[in-house]
Protein backbone atom coordinates (compact mmCIF):
# COMPACT_ATOMS: atom_id res chain seq x y z
CA MET A 1 78.04 109.97 91.34
CA THR A 2 78.00 110.55 95.08
CA ARG A 3 81.11 110.97 97.17
CA GLU A 4 80.78 107.38 98.38
CA GLY A 5 80.37 106.02 94.87
CA GLN A 6 83.56 107.08 93.17
CA GLY A 7 83.72 103.88 91.18
CA SER A 8 85.86 101.87 93.57
CA ARG A 9 84.96 98.47 94.91
CA ALA A 10 84.58 97.57 98.54
CA ARG A 11 85.80 94.25 99.91
CA GLY A 12 82.54 92.47 99.23
CA GLY A 13 82.63 93.41 95.57
CA GLU A 14 79.82 95.95 95.88
CA ARG A 15 80.41 98.76 93.46
CA GLY A 16 80.24 102.30 94.75
CA LYS A 17 80.43 101.62 98.49
CA ILE A 18 83.58 102.55 100.36
CA PRO A 19 83.75 100.99 103.81
CA ARG A 20 83.95 103.65 106.48
CA ARG A 21 85.28 101.40 109.24
CA LEU A 22 87.31 98.24 109.30
CA PRO A 23 86.35 95.18 111.33
CA GLY A 24 87.72 95.57 114.83
CA ASP A 25 88.00 99.36 114.74
CA PRO A 26 88.61 100.52 118.30
CA SER A 27 86.65 103.28 119.97
CA VAL A 28 88.19 106.75 120.22
CA VAL A 29 89.51 105.87 123.67
CA GLY A 30 90.91 102.59 122.30
CA TRP A 31 92.61 104.44 119.45
CA LEU A 32 94.16 106.91 121.91
CA LEU A 33 95.38 104.05 124.09
CA PHE A 34 96.89 102.39 121.00
CA ALA A 35 98.53 105.70 120.05
CA ILE A 36 100.34 105.92 123.39
CA GLY A 37 101.50 102.32 123.26
CA PHE A 38 98.88 100.16 124.97
CA ARG A 39 98.01 96.72 123.65
CA LEU A 40 94.50 96.42 122.24
CA PRO A 41 92.28 93.39 122.94
CA PRO A 42 92.24 90.43 120.49
CA LYS A 43 88.99 91.65 118.88
CA ASN A 44 91.02 94.53 117.35
CA ARG A 45 93.72 92.33 115.73
CA GLU A 46 92.56 92.85 112.14
CA TRP A 47 92.45 96.60 112.63
CA VAL A 48 95.94 96.56 114.18
CA ARG A 49 97.20 94.48 111.24
CA HIS A 50 95.74 97.06 108.82
CA GLU A 51 97.05 100.00 110.84
CA LEU A 52 100.61 98.66 110.87
CA THR A 53 101.00 96.86 107.53
CA ASP A 54 98.69 98.24 104.82
CA ALA A 55 99.64 101.07 102.49
CA GLY A 56 100.03 104.34 104.35
CA TRP A 57 101.19 102.81 107.64
CA ARG A 58 104.01 105.35 107.99
CA GLY A 59 101.56 108.23 107.66
CA ARG A 60 99.29 106.69 110.26
CA THR A 61 102.31 106.29 112.55
CA ILE A 62 103.09 109.99 112.21
CA ARG A 63 99.42 110.86 112.83
CA ARG A 64 99.49 108.89 116.10
CA LEU A 65 102.69 110.71 117.07
CA MET A 66 101.09 114.09 116.38
CA VAL A 67 98.19 113.28 118.69
CA LEU A 68 100.78 112.81 121.43
CA MET A 69 103.16 115.63 120.60
CA VAL A 70 100.85 118.54 119.81
CA PRO A 71 99.55 118.86 123.41
CA ILE A 72 103.13 118.58 124.71
CA CYS A 73 104.30 121.27 122.29
CA VAL A 74 101.42 123.54 123.30
CA ALA A 75 102.41 123.10 126.94
CA LEU A 76 106.04 123.89 126.08
CA ALA A 77 104.91 127.09 124.33
CA PHE A 78 103.44 128.35 127.61
CA LEU A 79 106.69 128.08 129.55
CA PRO A 80 108.18 131.44 130.50
CA GLY A 81 110.76 132.98 128.22
CA PRO A 82 111.18 135.31 125.28
CA PRO A 83 108.77 134.82 122.37
CA TRP A 84 111.40 133.35 120.05
CA LEU A 85 112.22 130.68 122.63
CA ARG A 86 108.54 129.90 123.19
CA VAL A 87 108.28 129.11 119.47
CA ALA A 88 111.68 127.46 119.03
CA VAL A 89 111.43 124.90 121.86
CA PRO A 90 108.08 123.37 120.78
CA GLY A 91 109.16 123.51 117.14
CA LEU A 92 112.40 121.70 117.88
CA ALA A 93 110.57 119.12 120.01
CA LEU A 94 108.12 118.44 117.18
CA ILE A 95 110.81 118.24 114.48
CA ALA A 96 113.00 115.97 116.62
CA SER A 97 110.16 113.61 117.51
CA VAL A 98 108.94 113.31 113.91
CA GLY A 99 112.50 112.71 112.71
CA THR A 100 113.10 110.06 115.35
CA VAL A 101 109.88 108.23 114.48
CA LEU A 102 110.61 108.39 110.74
CA ILE A 103 114.09 106.94 111.29
CA SER A 104 112.90 104.13 113.56
CA ALA A 105 109.42 103.51 112.07
CA ASP A 106 110.25 99.99 110.85
CA ASP A 107 111.51 98.89 114.25
CA VAL A 108 108.57 100.50 116.06
CA ARG A 109 106.18 98.76 113.68
CA ALA A 110 107.85 95.38 114.26
CA ALA A 111 107.63 95.84 118.03
CA ARG A 112 103.95 96.84 117.87
CA LEU A 113 103.10 93.86 115.66
CA LYS A 114 104.87 91.48 118.08
CA GLN A 115 103.10 93.18 120.99
CA HIS A 116 99.78 92.21 119.42
CA GLY A 117 100.86 88.69 118.49
CA LEU A 118 101.02 89.39 114.74
CA GLU A 119 103.66 88.26 112.28
CA VAL A 120 106.19 90.88 111.23
CA PRO A 121 106.37 91.17 107.43
CA ASN A 122 109.73 90.58 105.77
CA ASP A 123 110.55 93.95 104.25
CA ARG A 124 113.07 93.79 101.40
CA ASP A 125 113.63 97.55 101.58
CA LEU A 126 115.30 97.33 104.99
CA GLY A 127 118.22 95.27 103.75
CA ARG A 128 118.02 93.28 106.98
CA PRO A 129 115.38 91.22 108.74
CA ALA A 130 112.88 93.14 110.86
CA HIS A 131 113.54 92.79 114.58
């Protein structure tokens, strides 16, 4: 069996074909704009819904954060100072930003869904309604 045909079914019921892209996938530039907080056009609504609600949405949120933070951390590593400080400052910035996003991921997701005019799912795990 080929890599594409690992026995799973695509949305249309075709066996062996895994869809590579979802309807409304943005371009690379569109994805980067979405990652830094811009609102995508209405043609990307289904992709945004998938990105923020389907399984793995927290991992995708962290991936978008990494695209933003890695260049910032690299820039911080080039600031003058002793070697230990040039490693510690970017490391602390990365750890703090990932921790902050993990703590507030549900609220960030709710805000992004509202930004795109999508309904916020009622998440029982929060113990409170989503904002």
